[in-house]
Amino acid sequence: MLNYNTLKNRRRDFLAATGLTLEEFAKLLAAFQAAYAQRYPGDLTSTGQPRARRSGGGVKGVLQSAADKLLFILVYQKTNPLQTLHGLQFDLSQSQTNYWIHRLWPVLSQALSDMGQTPERDAQRVAVNPLVLESAPDLAIDGTERRLQRPQDAC
């Protein structure tokens, strides 16, 4: 079963699975936890009603920690597998996988938005986007050299 604790010690595999280094993951995790707490407060049920009992009771799920939840949605977004296959990686059924994808995707979107890491949607503003400018090269040449056979006579 894939989880954060086993994958964090394998940096190369972690990068391949998520597209992030451990340092980038840690920064995103803080924003993800804040967005998750904002979207799903602990004093409310999943339907938004006040809890009659404390949260944390009942059967423990596979995705217990925030790091496992973030890993789950990042791997899904990067690899885009079938839900059944993704569930097999995390020891979940297809219906549980579907539930978690729809629960965690808005949280990830909010976390990336809070960090200012969302993609630019307006094509006119791409060139002046701070994310583009911070990693822009000083010079870019887009061209291909090809050998061409030119005619030798002057006609």
Protein backbone atom coordinates (compact mmCIF):
# COMPACT_ATOMS: atom_id res chain seq x y z
CA MET A 1 0.00 0.00 0.00
CA LEU A 2 1.26 3.44 -0.91
CA ASN A 3 1.54 5.98 1.92
CA TYR A 4 3.61 9.00 2.89
CA ASN A 5 5.72 7.28 5.58
CA THR A 6 7.06 4.63 3.21
CA LEU A 7 7.51 6.93 0.23
CA LYS A 8 9.23 9.84 2.01
CA ASN A 9 12.40 7.78 2.46
CA ARG A 10 12.58 7.11 -1.29
CA ARG A 11 13.17 10.61 -2.68
CA ARG A 12 13.41 9.55 -6.31
CA ASP A 13 10.19 7.56 -6.20
CA PHE A 14 8.48 10.36 -4.28
CA LEU A 15 9.41 12.85 -6.99
CA ALA A 16 8.25 10.44 -9.71
CA ALA A 17 4.90 9.82 -7.98
CA THR A 18 4.02 13.40 -7.02
CA GLY A 19 6.13 15.70 -9.17
CA LEU A 20 7.31 17.45 -5.98
CA THR A 21 10.39 17.26 -3.83
CA LEU A 22 9.94 16.61 -0.11
CA GLU A 23 10.62 20.30 0.63
CA GLU A 24 7.97 21.44 -1.87
CA PHE A 25 5.57 18.84 -0.48
CA ALA A 26 6.11 20.15 3.07
CA LYS A 27 5.26 23.71 1.99
CA LEU A 28 2.15 22.54 0.18
CA LEU A 29 1.17 20.33 3.13
CA ALA A 30 0.89 23.33 5.47
CA ALA A 31 -1.44 25.13 3.06
CA PHE A 32 -3.35 21.89 2.41
CA GLN A 33 -3.97 21.34 6.14
CA ALA A 34 -5.26 24.90 6.53
CA ALA A 35 -7.56 24.57 3.51
CA TYR A 36 -8.83 21.18 4.73
CA ALA A 37 -9.61 22.56 8.20
CA GLN A 38 -11.41 25.51 6.63
CA ARG A 39 -13.48 23.38 4.24
CA TYR A 40 -14.22 20.54 6.68
CA PRO A 41 -14.28 21.90 10.26
CA GLY A 42 -13.93 19.26 12.97
CA ASP A 43 -17.04 20.40 14.85
CA LEU A 44 -19.36 19.72 11.87
CA THR A 45 -20.41 16.49 10.22
CA SER A 46 -19.81 15.82 6.53
CA THR A 47 -23.29 17.19 5.81
CA GLY A 48 -22.52 20.43 7.66
CA GLN A 49 -24.58 19.72 10.78
CA PRO A 50 -23.17 20.23 14.30
CA ARG A 51 -21.64 17.03 15.71
CA ALA A 52 -23.46 15.18 18.50
CA ARG A 53 -20.19 13.44 19.48
CA ARG A 54 -16.51 14.27 19.23
CA SER A 55 -14.82 13.72 15.90
CA GLY A 56 -12.41 10.81 15.58
CA GLY A 57 -14.69 8.01 16.71
CA GLY A 58 -15.56 5.03 14.59
CA VAL A 59 -13.56 3.02 12.10
CA LYS A 60 -10.19 4.48 11.11
CA GLY A 61 -9.79 5.10 7.41
CA VAL A 62 -6.81 4.38 5.21
CA LEU A 63 -6.09 8.07 4.59
CA GLN A 64 -5.73 9.16 8.20
CA SER A 65 -3.03 11.82 8.07
CA ALA A 66 -3.07 15.02 6.05
CA ALA A 67 0.17 13.92 4.37
CA ASP A 68 -1.49 10.71 3.13
CA LYS A 69 -4.47 12.68 1.83
CA LEU A 70 -2.22 15.12 -0.02
CA LEU A 71 -0.13 12.28 -1.43
CA PHE A 72 -3.31 10.54 -2.60
CA ILE A 73 -4.63 13.52 -4.55
CA LEU A 74 -1.21 14.51 -5.95
CA VAL A 75 -0.54 11.02 -7.28
CA TYR A 76 -4.00 10.98 -8.83
CA GLN A 77 -3.49 14.37 -10.47
CA LYS A 78 -0.04 13.51 -11.80
CA THR A 79 -0.70 10.01 -13.12
CA ASN A 80 -4.46 10.22 -13.89
CA PRO A 81 -5.10 6.47 -13.48
CA LEU A 82 -8.44 4.73 -13.51
CA GLN A 83 -10.09 5.04 -10.11
CA THR A 84 -9.97 1.28 -9.62
CA LEU A 85 -6.22 1.20 -10.25
CA HIS A 86 -5.62 4.23 -8.02
CA GLY A 87 -7.65 2.55 -5.28
CA LEU A 88 -5.48 -0.55 -5.53
CA GLN A 89 -2.38 1.58 -4.88
CA PHE A 90 -3.90 3.00 -1.70
CA ASP A 91 -5.89 -0.07 -0.59
CA LEU A 92 -9.28 1.53 -1.34
CA SER A 93 -12.30 0.39 -3.32
CA GLN A 94 -13.32 2.29 -6.43
CA SER A 95 -16.21 3.98 -4.64
CA GLN A 96 -13.95 5.08 -1.75
CA THR A 97 -11.42 6.37 -4.28
CA ASN A 98 -14.14 8.37 -6.01
CA TYR A 99 -15.28 9.79 -2.68
CA TRP A 100 -11.77 10.90 -1.68
CA ILE A 101 -10.97 12.39 -5.08
CA HIS A 102 -14.08 14.56 -4.96
CA ARG A 103 -13.45 15.49 -1.34
CA LEU A 104 -9.76 16.35 -1.71
CA TRP A 105 -9.59 18.01 -5.14
CA PRO A 106 -11.28 21.27 -3.98
CA VAL A 107 -8.98 21.35 -0.94
CA LEU A 108 -5.88 21.04 -3.14
CA SER A 109 -7.19 23.74 -5.47
CA GLN A 110 -7.77 26.07 -2.52
CA ALA A 111 -4.33 25.36 -1.06
CA LEU A 112 -2.62 26.10 -4.37
CA SER A 113 -4.68 29.26 -4.73
CA ASP A 114 -3.74 30.39 -1.21
CA MET A 115 -0.07 29.87 -2.08
CA GLY A 116 -0.43 31.79 -5.36
CA GLN A 117 0.54 28.71 -7.39
CA THR A 118 -2.50 28.34 -9.63
CA PRO A 119 -2.02 28.42 -13.39
CA GLU A 120 -2.80 31.63 -15.23
CA ARG A 121 -6.08 31.24 -17.11
CA ASP A 122 -5.92 34.50 -19.09
CA ALA A 123 -3.54 34.13 -22.05
CA GLN A 124 -2.93 37.89 -22.15
CA ARG A 125 -1.46 37.85 -18.64
CA VAL A 126 0.84 34.82 -19.00
CA ALA A 127 3.90 36.87 -19.99
CA VAL A 128 3.68 39.07 -16.86
CA ASN A 129 2.76 36.31 -14.42
CA PRO A 130 5.18 36.30 -11.43
CA LEU A 131 5.53 32.51 -11.64
CA VAL A 132 6.76 32.79 -15.22
CA LEU A 133 9.03 35.74 -14.54
CA GLU A 134 10.84 34.10 -11.61
CA SER A 135 12.08 31.23 -13.72
CA ALA A 136 12.23 32.88 -17.13
CA PRO A 137 15.48 32.49 -19.08
CA ASP A 138 17.37 35.60 -20.14
CA LEU A 139 17.27 34.51 -23.77
CA ALA A 140 15.20 31.94 -25.60
CA ILE A 141 15.72 30.91 -29.21
CA ASP A 142 13.21 28.67 -30.86
CA GLY A 143 14.72 27.28 -34.00
CA THR A 144 15.94 24.18 -35.76
CA GLU A 145 19.00 23.88 -37.94
CA ARG A 146 18.58 21.77 -41.04
CA ARG A 147 20.87 21.11 -43.88
CA LEU A 148 19.29 22.21 -47.17
CA GLN A 149 20.43 21.35 -50.65
CA ARG A 150 20.56 24.63 -52.61
CA PRO A 151 20.73 24.89 -56.39
CA GLN A 152 24.21 25.70 -57.69
CA ASP A 153 23.36 27.47 -60.96
CA ALA A 154 22.19 31.11 -61.04
CA CYS A 155 18.83 30.55 -62.80
